[in-house]
């Protein structure tokens, strides 16, 4: 048995990792395998690919907004890092090895996570933290990456790339949990609403879809992006305007032509 210390974040504290299944059983632990099994949920103990028994702290399904055919990434948060497997449109899993002896922070670790090509750099971490503290995406990018020469459109392109990064999305969702809970409690207390989602969905939908809204376009786009990111977790979906709706417009009634006799 060994201790693994997490110094910051939602999972800060000392976590136990058992050296093997026999040791875990001696401590009356119930565990599941494989670690990527469909029945594994947040809080379950699992067996890593190198035989350790470790707790799954958080499990989440990540759906990339560009995927239209059912593809998704399943994310598993352990004390020593976050590990993934990818499911393509045919339902086939692409699973990386998860070795509990190594940590994900090592780019070329035994966890084989370096092949993802994306990991949480210090700039990505700062970008996420700035957003979680209330800064808008555009300003957060400029501050985190100390941008001076790149164009506005170029910045927006880079922001979209960052928000498509599953590691960034995972970290942002983690850091925003306290804020989401605080907002939910405040809304329920002030409005008596039984559900935060029911209270927000109509207001958000109207805000981002009404072309006459006085809210600046940049703010609306930020909200759209966040709803696209977290809508699945929060149960929020933007209303789409019905094709049968007709916009109010000025019009003129034209009289039909009068019937007459032909001169031929």
C-alpha atoms as a PDB file:
ATOM      1  CA  UNK A   1       0.000   0.000   0.000  1.00  0.00           C
ATOM      2  CA  UNK A   2       1.224   3.521  -0.717  1.00  0.00           C
ATOM      3  CA  UNK A   3      -0.066   7.058  -0.251  1.00  0.00           C
ATOM      4  CA  UNK A   4      -0.478   9.478  -3.126  1.00  0.00           C
ATOM      5  CA  UNK A   5      -0.702  13.170  -2.226  1.00  0.00           C
ATOM      6  CA  UNK A   6      -2.719  15.639  -4.308  1.00  0.00           C
ATOM      7  CA  UNK A   7      -1.838  19.164  -3.194  1.00  0.00           C
ATOM      8  CA  UNK A   8      -4.544  21.229  -4.889  1.00  0.00           C
ATOM      9  CA  UNK A   9      -7.901  21.067  -6.658  1.00  0.00           C
ATOM     10  CA  UNK A  10     -11.160  19.314  -5.858  1.00  0.00           C
ATOM     11  CA  UNK A  11      -9.360  16.071  -4.991  1.00  0.00           C
ATOM     12  CA  UNK A  12      -6.684  17.525  -2.712  1.00  0.00           C
ATOM     13  CA  UNK A  13      -5.640  15.150   0.060  1.00  0.00           C
ATOM     14  CA  UNK A  14      -3.939  11.802   0.626  1.00  0.00           C
ATOM     15  CA  UNK A  15      -5.183   8.906  -1.510  1.00  0.00           C
ATOM     16  CA  UNK A  16      -4.418   5.228  -0.987  1.00  0.00           C
ATOM     17  CA  UNK A  17      -3.192   2.960  -3.782  1.00  0.00           C
ATOM     18  CA  UNK A  18      -3.083  -0.781  -3.013  1.00  0.00           C
ATOM     19  CA  UNK A  19      -0.140  -2.719  -4.442  1.00  0.00           C
ATOM     20  CA  UNK A  20      -2.264  -5.620  -5.685  1.00  0.00           C
ATOM     21  CA  UNK A  21      -5.696  -7.236  -5.521  1.00  0.00           C
ATOM     22  CA  UNK A  22      -4.751  -9.497  -2.579  1.00  0.00           C
ATOM     23  CA  UNK A  23      -3.779  -6.530  -0.422  1.00  0.00           C
ATOM     24  CA  UNK A  24      -7.010  -4.712  -1.288  1.00  0.00           C
ATOM     25  CA  UNK A  25      -9.058  -7.788  -0.364  1.00  0.00           C
ATOM     26  CA  UNK A  26      -7.302  -7.998   3.012  1.00  0.00           C
ATOM     27  CA  UNK A  27      -8.582  -4.461   3.667  1.00  0.00           C
ATOM     28  CA  UNK A  28     -12.122  -5.539   2.664  1.00  0.00           C
ATOM     29  CA  UNK A  29     -12.080  -3.428  -0.492  1.00  0.00           C
ATOM     30  CA  UNK A  30     -14.520  -4.179  -3.296  1.00  0.00           C
ATOM     31  CA  UNK A  31     -13.126  -3.377  -6.748  1.00  0.00           C
ATOM     32  CA  UNK A  32     -14.033  -3.714 -10.408  1.00  0.00           C
ATOM     33  CA  UNK A  33     -12.097  -4.601 -13.513  1.00  0.00           C
ATOM     34  CA  UNK A  34     -11.268  -3.633 -16.119  1.00  0.00           C
ATOM     35  CA  UNK A  35     -10.839   0.001 -15.060  1.00  0.00           C
ATOM     36  CA  UNK A  36     -12.588   1.172 -18.258  1.00  0.00           C
ATOM     37  CA  UNK A  37     -15.629  -1.079 -17.803  1.00  0.00           C
ATOM     38  CA  UNK A  38     -19.079   0.308 -18.510  1.00  0.00           C
ATOM     39  CA  UNK A  39     -20.208  -0.485 -14.948  1.00  0.00           C
ATOM     40  CA  UNK A  40     -17.408   1.559 -13.336  1.00  0.00           C
ATOM     41  CA  UNK A  41     -18.749   4.764 -11.764  1.00  0.00           C
ATOM     42  CA  UNK A  42     -17.307   7.676  -9.806  1.00  0.00           C
ATOM     43  CA  UNK A  43     -16.096   6.457  -6.409  1.00  0.00           C
ATOM     44  CA  UNK A  44     -15.511   2.844  -7.466  1.00  0.00           C
ATOM     45  CA  UNK A  45     -12.207   1.081  -6.858  1.00  0.00           C
ATOM     46  CA  UNK A  46     -10.675  -0.505  -9.965  1.00  0.00           C
ATOM     47  CA  UNK A  47      -7.640  -2.525 -11.044  1.00  0.00           C
ATOM     48  CA  UNK A  48      -5.116  -0.689 -13.216  1.00  0.00           C
ATOM     49  CA  UNK A  49      -3.279  -2.364 -16.094  1.00  0.00           C
ATOM     50  CA  UNK A  50      -0.202  -2.850 -13.899  1.00  0.00           C
ATOM     51  CA  UNK A  51      -2.157  -4.588 -11.126  1.00  0.00           C
ATOM     52  CA  UNK A  52      -2.675  -1.782  -8.600  1.00  0.00           C
ATOM     53  CA  UNK A  53      -6.063  -1.131  -6.990  1.00  0.00           C
ATOM     54  CA  UNK A  54      -6.965   2.545  -7.153  1.00  0.00           C
ATOM     55  CA  UNK A  55     -10.101   4.661  -6.771  1.00  0.00           C
ATOM     56  CA  UNK A  56     -11.885   6.294  -9.706  1.00  0.00           C
ATOM     57  CA  UNK A  57     -12.560   9.777  -8.350  1.00  0.00           C
ATOM     58  CA  UNK A  58     -14.650  11.060 -11.241  1.00  0.00           C
ATOM     59  CA  UNK A  59     -16.013   9.664 -14.487  1.00  0.00           C
ATOM     60  CA  UNK A  60     -17.350  11.803 -17.305  1.00  0.00           C
ATOM     61  CA  UNK A  61     -18.412  11.435 -20.919  1.00  0.00           C
ATOM     62  CA  UNK A  62     -16.960  14.079 -23.253  1.00  0.00           C
ATOM     63  CA  UNK A  63     -18.724  14.736 -26.564  1.00  0.00           C
ATOM     64  CA  UNK A  64     -16.792  16.817 -29.076  1.00  0.00           C
ATOM     65  CA  UNK A  65     -19.076  19.336 -30.761  1.00  0.00           C
ATOM     66  CA  UNK A  66     -17.641  18.352 -34.167  1.00  0.00           C
ATOM     67  CA  UNK A  67     -18.671  14.717 -33.758  1.00  0.00           C
ATOM     68  CA  UNK A  68     -22.034  14.080 -35.388  1.00  0.00           C
ATOM     69  CA  UNK A  69     -22.107  10.288 -35.523  1.00  0.00           C
ATOM     70  CA  UNK A  70     -22.028   9.220 -31.889  1.00  0.00           C
ATOM     71  CA  UNK A  71     -18.272   9.471 -31.212  1.00  0.00           C
ATOM     72  CA  UNK A  72     -17.207  10.359 -27.679  1.00  0.00           C
ATOM     73  CA  UNK A  73     -14.356  10.202 -25.169  1.00  0.00           C
ATOM     74  CA  UNK A  74     -14.842   8.640 -21.730  1.00  0.00           C
ATOM     75  CA  UNK A  75     -12.722  10.323 -19.066  1.00  0.00           C
ATOM     76  CA  UNK A  76     -11.639   8.682 -15.783  1.00  0.00           C
ATOM     77  CA  UNK A  77     -10.074  10.849 -13.078  1.00  0.00           C
ATOM     78  CA  UNK A  78      -7.716   9.082 -10.677  1.00  0.00           C
ATOM     79  CA  UNK A  79      -5.528  10.619  -7.998  1.00  0.00           C
ATOM     80  CA  UNK A  80      -2.483  10.330 -10.291  1.00  0.00           C
ATOM     81  CA  UNK A  81      -4.116  11.822 -13.363  1.00  0.00           C
ATOM     82  CA  UNK A  82      -6.910  11.622 -15.887  1.00  0.00           C
ATOM     83  CA  UNK A  83      -7.025   8.773 -18.382  1.00  0.00           C
ATOM     84  CA  UNK A  84      -9.288   8.261 -21.386  1.00  0.00           C
ATOM     85  CA  UNK A  85     -10.623   5.915 -23.987  1.00  0.00           C
ATOM     86  CA  UNK A  86     -12.168   6.937 -27.298  1.00  0.00           C
ATOM     87  CA  UNK A  87     -15.242   5.406 -28.934  1.00  0.00           C
ATOM     88  CA  UNK A  88     -15.661   5.853 -32.695  1.00  0.00           C
ATOM     89  CA  UNK A  89     -18.926   6.060 -34.625  1.00  0.00           C
ATOM     90  CA  UNK A  90     -19.044   2.263 -34.912  1.00  0.00           C
ATOM     91  CA  UNK A  91     -18.909   1.849 -31.127  1.00  0.00           C
ATOM     92  CA  UNK A  92     -15.330   0.537 -31.162  1.00  0.00           C
ATOM     93  CA  UNK A  93     -13.136   1.512 -28.180  1.00  0.00           C
ATOM     94  CA  UNK A  94      -9.580   2.792 -28.508  1.00  0.00           C
ATOM     95  CA  UNK A  95      -8.085   2.221 -25.041  1.00  0.00           C
ATOM     96  CA  UNK A  96      -4.728   3.484 -23.780  1.00  0.00           C
ATOM     97  CA  UNK A  97      -2.903   1.642 -21.025  1.00  0.00           C
ATOM     98  CA  UNK A  98      -3.458   2.981 -17.517  1.00  0.00           C
ATOM     99  CA  UNK A  99      -0.509   2.291 -15.203  1.00  0.00           C
ATOM    100  CA  UNK A 100      -1.088   3.447 -11.625  1.00  0.00           C
ATOM    101  CA  UNK A 101       2.661   3.485 -10.926  1.00  0.00           C
ATOM    102  CA  UNK A 102       3.025   6.584 -13.128  1.00  0.00           C
ATOM    103  CA  UNK A 103       1.389  10.001 -13.150  1.00  0.00           C
ATOM    104  CA  UNK A 104      -0.187  11.726 -16.083  1.00  0.00           C
ATOM    105  CA  UNK A 105       1.844  14.901 -15.603  1.00  0.00           C
ATOM    106  CA  UNK A 106       4.788  13.120 -17.234  1.00  0.00           C
ATOM    107  CA  UNK A 107       4.417  13.708 -20.966  1.00  0.00           C
ATOM    108  CA  UNK A 108       6.002  10.368 -21.865  1.00  0.00           C
ATOM    109  CA  UNK A 109       4.852   8.444 -18.807  1.00  0.00           C
ATOM    110  CA  UNK A 110       4.079   4.741 -18.629  1.00  0.00           C
ATOM    111  CA  UNK A 111       0.428   5.767 -18.724  1.00  0.00           C
ATOM    112  CA  UNK A 112       0.895   6.266 -22.476  1.00  0.00           C
ATOM    113  CA  UNK A 113      -0.992   9.551 -22.285  1.00  0.00           C
ATOM    114  CA  UNK A 114       1.675  11.422 -24.242  1.00  0.00           C
ATOM    115  CA  UNK A 115       0.175   9.971 -27.419  1.00  0.00           C
ATOM    116  CA  UNK A 116      -2.921  12.059 -26.859  1.00  0.00           C
ATOM    117  CA  UNK A 117      -0.784  14.999 -27.964  1.00  0.00           C
ATOM    118  CA  UNK A 118      -2.458  17.194 -25.350  1.00  0.00           C
ATOM    119  CA  UNK A 119      -1.704  17.714 -21.693  1.00  0.00           C
ATOM    120  CA  UNK A 120      -2.343  20.475 -19.206  1.00  0.00           C
ATOM    121  CA  UNK A 121       0.495  22.967 -19.662  1.00  0.00           C
ATOM    122  CA  UNK A 122       0.967  25.886 -17.272  1.00  0.00           C
ATOM    123  CA  UNK A 123      -0.623  28.283 -19.798  1.00  0.00           C
ATOM    124  CA  UNK A 124      -3.641  26.015 -20.296  1.00  0.00           C
ATOM    125  CA  UNK A 125      -3.973  25.742 -16.534  1.00  0.00           C
ATOM    126  CA  UNK A 126      -3.893  29.550 -16.161  1.00  0.00           C
ATOM    127  CA  UNK A 127      -6.402  29.950 -19.030  1.00  0.00           C
ATOM    128  CA  UNK A 128      -8.831  27.567 -17.303  1.00  0.00           C
ATOM    129  CA  UNK A 129      -8.352  29.187 -13.892  1.00  0.00           C
ATOM    130  CA  UNK A 130      -9.042  32.672 -15.282  1.00  0.00           C
ATOM    131  CA  UNK A 131     -12.300  31.476 -16.886  1.00  0.00           C
ATOM    132  CA  UNK A 132     -13.344  29.702 -13.692  1.00  0.00           C
ATOM    133  CA  UNK A 133     -12.844  32.948 -11.750  1.00  0.00           C
ATOM    134  CA  UNK A 134     -15.192  34.840 -14.093  1.00  0.00           C
ATOM    135  CA  UNK A 135     -13.042  36.255 -16.898  1.00  0.00           C
ATOM    136  CA  UNK A 136     -14.425  35.962 -20.435  1.00  0.00           C
ATOM    137  CA  UNK A 137     -12.741  33.550 -22.857  1.00  0.00           C
ATOM    138  CA  UNK A 138     -11.160  36.246 -25.033  1.00  0.00           C
ATOM    139  CA  UNK A 139      -9.587  38.160 -22.134  1.00  0.00           C
ATOM    140  CA  UNK A 140      -8.519  34.946 -20.417  1.00  0.00           C
ATOM    141  CA  UNK A 141      -6.612  33.837 -23.530  1.00  0.00           C
ATOM    142  CA  UNK A 142      -4.855  37.187 -23.928  1.00  0.00           C
ATOM    143  CA  UNK A 143      -3.794  37.219 -20.280  1.00  0.00           C
ATOM    144  CA  UNK A 144      -2.753  33.554 -20.055  1.00  0.00           C
ATOM    145  CA  UNK A 145      -0.801  33.527 -23.325  1.00  0.00           C
ATOM    146  CA  UNK A 146       0.388  37.169 -23.117  1.00  0.00           C
ATOM    147  CA  UNK A 147      -0.827  37.834 -26.657  1.00  0.00           C
ATOM    148  CA  UNK A 148       0.395  41.009 -28.361  1.00  0.00           C
ATOM    149  CA  UNK A 149       0.535  40.470 -32.131  1.00  0.00           C
ATOM    150  CA  UNK A 150      -2.105  37.890 -33.071  1.00  0.00           C
ATOM    151  CA  UNK A 151      -5.324  39.142 -34.694  1.00  0.00           C
ATOM    152  CA  UNK A 152      -8.724  38.903 -33.043  1.00  0.00           C
ATOM    153  CA  UNK A 153      -9.862  36.205 -35.484  1.00  0.00           C
ATOM    154  CA  UNK A 154      -6.651  34.312 -34.825  1.00  0.00           C
ATOM    155  CA  UNK A 155      -7.320  34.428 -31.077  1.00  0.00           C
ATOM    156  CA  UNK A 156     -10.848  33.098 -31.572  1.00  0.00           C
ATOM    157  CA  UNK A 157      -9.463  30.211 -33.619  1.00  0.00           C
ATOM    158  CA  UNK A 158      -6.997  29.350 -30.842  1.00  0.00           C
ATOM    159  CA  UNK A 159      -9.768  29.577 -28.207  1.00  0.00           C
ATOM    160  CA  UNK A 160     -11.903  27.102 -30.167  1.00  0.00           C
ATOM    161  CA  UNK A 161      -8.941  24.711 -30.346  1.00  0.00           C
ATOM    162  CA  UNK A 162      -8.403  24.989 -26.609  1.00  0.00           C
ATOM    163  CA  UNK A 163     -12.063  24.381 -25.822  1.00  0.00           C
ATOM    164  CA  UNK A 164     -11.962  21.258 -28.015  1.00  0.00           C
ATOM    165  CA  UNK A 165      -9.061  19.885 -25.951  1.00  0.00           C
ATOM    166  CA  UNK A 166     -10.563  17.198 -23.634  1.00  0.00           C
ATOM    167  CA  UNK A 167      -7.915  17.900 -20.980  1.00  0.00           C
ATOM    168  CA  UNK A 168      -8.871  21.590 -20.882  1.00  0.00           C
ATOM    169  CA  UNK A 169     -12.584  20.778 -20.796  1.00  0.00           C
ATOM    170  CA  UNK A 170     -12.066  18.283 -17.973  1.00  0.00           C
ATOM    171  CA  UNK A 171     -10.067  20.767 -15.900  1.00  0.00           C
ATOM    172  CA  UNK A 172     -12.577  23.566 -16.538  1.00  0.00           C
ATOM    173  CA  UNK A 173     -15.499  21.389 -15.498  1.00  0.00           C
ATOM    174  CA  UNK A 174     -13.667  20.463 -12.289  1.00  0.00           C
ATOM    175  CA  UNK A 175     -12.810  24.050 -11.390  1.00  0.00           C
ATOM    176  CA  UNK A 176     -16.323  25.309 -12.123  1.00  0.00           C
ATOM    177  CA  UNK A 177     -18.077  22.791  -9.866  1.00  0.00           C
ATOM    178  CA  UNK A 178     -17.995  25.034  -6.747  1.00  0.00           C
ATOM    179  CA  UNK A 179     -19.309  27.960  -8.803  1.00  0.00           C
ATOM    180  CA  UNK A 180     -22.109  25.867 -10.321  1.00  0.00           C
ATOM    181  CA  UNK A 181     -23.169  24.626  -6.868  1.00  0.00           C
ATOM    182  CA  UNK A 182     -23.082  28.176  -5.466  1.00  0.00           C
ATOM    183  CA  UNK A 183     -25.233  29.521  -8.297  1.00  0.00           C
ATOM    184  CA  UNK A 184     -27.688  26.660  -7.955  1.00  0.00           C
ATOM    185  CA  UNK A 185     -28.145  27.246  -4.216  1.00  0.00           C
ATOM    186  CA  UNK A 186     -28.550  30.998  -4.717  1.00  0.00           C
ATOM    187  CA  UNK A 187     -31.135  30.608  -7.499  1.00  0.00           C
ATOM    188  CA  UNK A 188     -33.164  28.082  -5.518  1.00  0.00           C
ATOM    189  CA  UNK A 189     -33.116  30.315  -2.449  1.00  0.00           C
ATOM    190  CA  UNK A 190     -34.150  33.505  -4.267  1.00  0.00           C
ATOM    191  CA  UNK A 191     -36.680  32.080  -6.725  1.00  0.00           C
ATOM    192  CA  UNK A 192     -37.947  28.928  -5.055  1.00  0.00           C
ATOM    193  CA  UNK A 193     -37.161  27.026  -8.251  1.00  0.00           C
ATOM    194  CA  UNK A 194     -36.854  23.297  -7.761  1.00  0.00           C
ATOM    195  CA  UNK A 195     -34.394  22.983 -10.625  1.00  0.00           C
ATOM    196  CA  UNK A 196     -31.630  25.280 -11.754  1.00  0.00           C
ATOM    197  CA  UNK A 197     -31.900  23.872 -15.259  1.00  0.00           C
ATOM    198  CA  UNK A 198     -35.597  24.712 -15.644  1.00  0.00           C
ATOM    199  CA  UNK A 199     -34.926  28.255 -14.436  1.00  0.00           C
ATOM    200  CA  UNK A 200     -32.001  28.838 -16.783  1.00  0.00           C
ATOM    201  CA  UNK A 201     -32.988  27.129 -19.993  1.00  0.00           C
ATOM    202  CA  UNK A 202     -35.611  29.642 -21.155  1.00  0.00           C
ATOM    203  CA  UNK A 203     -33.529  32.663 -20.205  1.00  0.00           C
ATOM    204  CA  UNK A 204     -30.365  31.380 -21.839  1.00  0.00           C
ATOM    205  CA  UNK A 205     -32.207  30.279 -24.970  1.00  0.00           C
ATOM    206  CA  UNK A 206     -33.826  33.680 -25.388  1.00  0.00           C
ATOM    207  CA  UNK A 207     -30.593  35.506 -24.632  1.00  0.00           C
ATOM    208  CA  UNK A 208     -28.471  33.761 -27.247  1.00  0.00           C
ATOM    209  CA  UNK A 209     -31.066  33.256 -29.978  1.00  0.00           C
ATOM    210  CA  UNK A 210     -32.890  36.608 -29.970  1.00  0.00           C
ATOM    211  CA  UNK A 211     -31.214  38.776 -32.649  1.00  0.00           C
ATOM    212  CA  UNK A 212     -32.713  41.898 -31.022  1.00  0.00           C
ATOM    213  CA  UNK A 213     -31.024  41.206 -27.697  1.00  0.00           C
ATOM    214  CA  UNK A 214     -29.094  44.170 -26.320  1.00  0.00           C
ATOM    215  CA  UNK A 215     -26.440  41.897 -24.841  1.00  0.00           C
ATOM    216  CA  UNK A 216     -23.146  42.354 -26.778  1.00  0.00           C
ATOM    217  CA  UNK A 217     -22.495  39.737 -29.433  1.00  0.00           C
ATOM    218  CA  UNK A 218     -19.212  38.710 -27.782  1.00  0.00           C
ATOM    219  CA  UNK A 219     -20.976  37.931 -24.502  1.00  0.00           C
ATOM    220  CA  UNK A 220     -23.665  35.920 -26.300  1.00  0.00           C
ATOM    221  CA  UNK A 221     -21.029  33.894 -28.136  1.00  0.00           C
ATOM    222  CA  UNK A 222     -19.285  33.135 -24.825  1.00  0.00           C
ATOM    223  CA  UNK A 223     -22.555  31.862 -23.360  1.00  0.00           C
ATOM    224  CA  UNK A 224     -23.257  29.780 -26.457  1.00  0.00           C
ATOM    225  CA  UNK A 225     -19.846  28.162 -26.222  1.00  0.00           C
ATOM    226  CA  UNK A 226     -20.230  27.354 -22.525  1.00  0.00           C
ATOM    227  CA  UNK A 227     -23.701  25.913 -23.072  1.00  0.00           C
ATOM    228  CA  UNK A 228     -22.358  23.777 -25.913  1.00  0.00           C
ATOM    229  CA  UNK A 229     -19.626  22.548 -23.583  1.00  0.00           C
ATOM    230  CA  UNK A 230     -21.626  21.856 -20.459  1.00  0.00           C
ATOM    231  CA  UNK A 231     -25.157  21.562 -21.800  1.00  0.00           C
ATOM    232  CA  UNK A 232     -25.064  17.782 -21.659  1.00  0.00           C
ATOM    233  CA  UNK A 233     -23.964  17.767 -18.002  1.00  0.00           C
ATOM    234  CA  UNK A 234     -26.478  20.459 -16.991  1.00  0.00           C
ATOM    235  CA  UNK A 235     -29.303  19.188 -19.168  1.00  0.00           C
ATOM    236  CA  UNK A 236     -29.547  22.477 -21.070  1.00  0.00           C
ATOM    237  CA  UNK A 237     -30.272  22.625 -24.784  1.00  0.00           C
ATOM    238  CA  UNK A 238     -30.828  25.808 -26.748  1.00  0.00           C
ATOM    239  CA  UNK A 239     -34.233  26.189 -28.329  1.00  0.00           C
ATOM    240  CA  UNK A 240     -34.162  26.291 -32.094  1.00  0.00           C
ATOM    241  CA  UNK A 241     -36.473  28.747 -33.784  1.00  0.00           C
ATOM    242  CA  UNK A 242     -39.256  26.961 -35.603  1.00  0.00           C
ATOM    243  CA  UNK A 243     -39.116  27.237 -39.376  1.00  0.00           C
ATOM    244  CA  UNK A 244     -42.851  28.002 -39.260  1.00  0.00           C
ATOM    245  CA  UNK A 245     -42.318  31.226 -37.302  1.00  0.00           C
ATOM    246  CA  UNK A 246     -42.737  34.343 -39.416  1.00  0.00           C
ATOM    247  CA  UNK A 247     -40.839  37.514 -38.582  1.00  0.00           C
ATOM    248  CA  UNK A 248     -42.837  40.757 -38.269  1.00  0.00           C
ATOM    249  CA  UNK A 249     -42.256  42.930 -41.319  1.00  0.00           C
ATOM    250  CA  UNK A 250     -43.755  45.927 -43.116  1.00  0.00           C
ATOM    251  CA  UNK A 251     -45.922  44.919 -46.004  1.00  0.00           C
ATOM    252  CA  UNK A 252     -48.351  46.437 -48.519  1.00  0.00           C
ATOM    253  CA  UNK A 253     -51.645  45.022 -49.701  1.00  0.00           C
ATOM    254  CA  UNK A 254     -51.684  45.083 -53.491  1.00  0.00           C
ATOM    255  CA  UNK A 255     -55.041  45.172 -55.224  1.00  0.00           C
ATOM    256  CA  UNK A 256     -55.686  42.429 -57.737  1.00  0.00           C
ATOM    257  CA  UNK A 257     -55.849  43.527 -61.369  1.00  0.00           C
ATOM    258  CA  UNK A 258     -59.307  44.505 -62.615  1.00  0.00           C
ATOM    259  CA  UNK A 259     -60.912  42.290 -65.204  1.00  0.00           C
ATOM    260  CA  UNK A 260     -61.665  43.875 -68.514  1.00  0.00           C
ATOM    261  CA  UNK A 261     -62.590  43.041 -72.042  1.00  0.00           C
ATOM    262  CA  UNK A 262     -59.959  42.240 -74.613  1.00  0.00           C
ATOM    263  CA  UNK A 263     -59.498  44.781 -77.382  1.00  0.00           C
ATOM    264  CA  UNK A 264     -58.618  42.030 -79.870  1.00  0.00           C
END
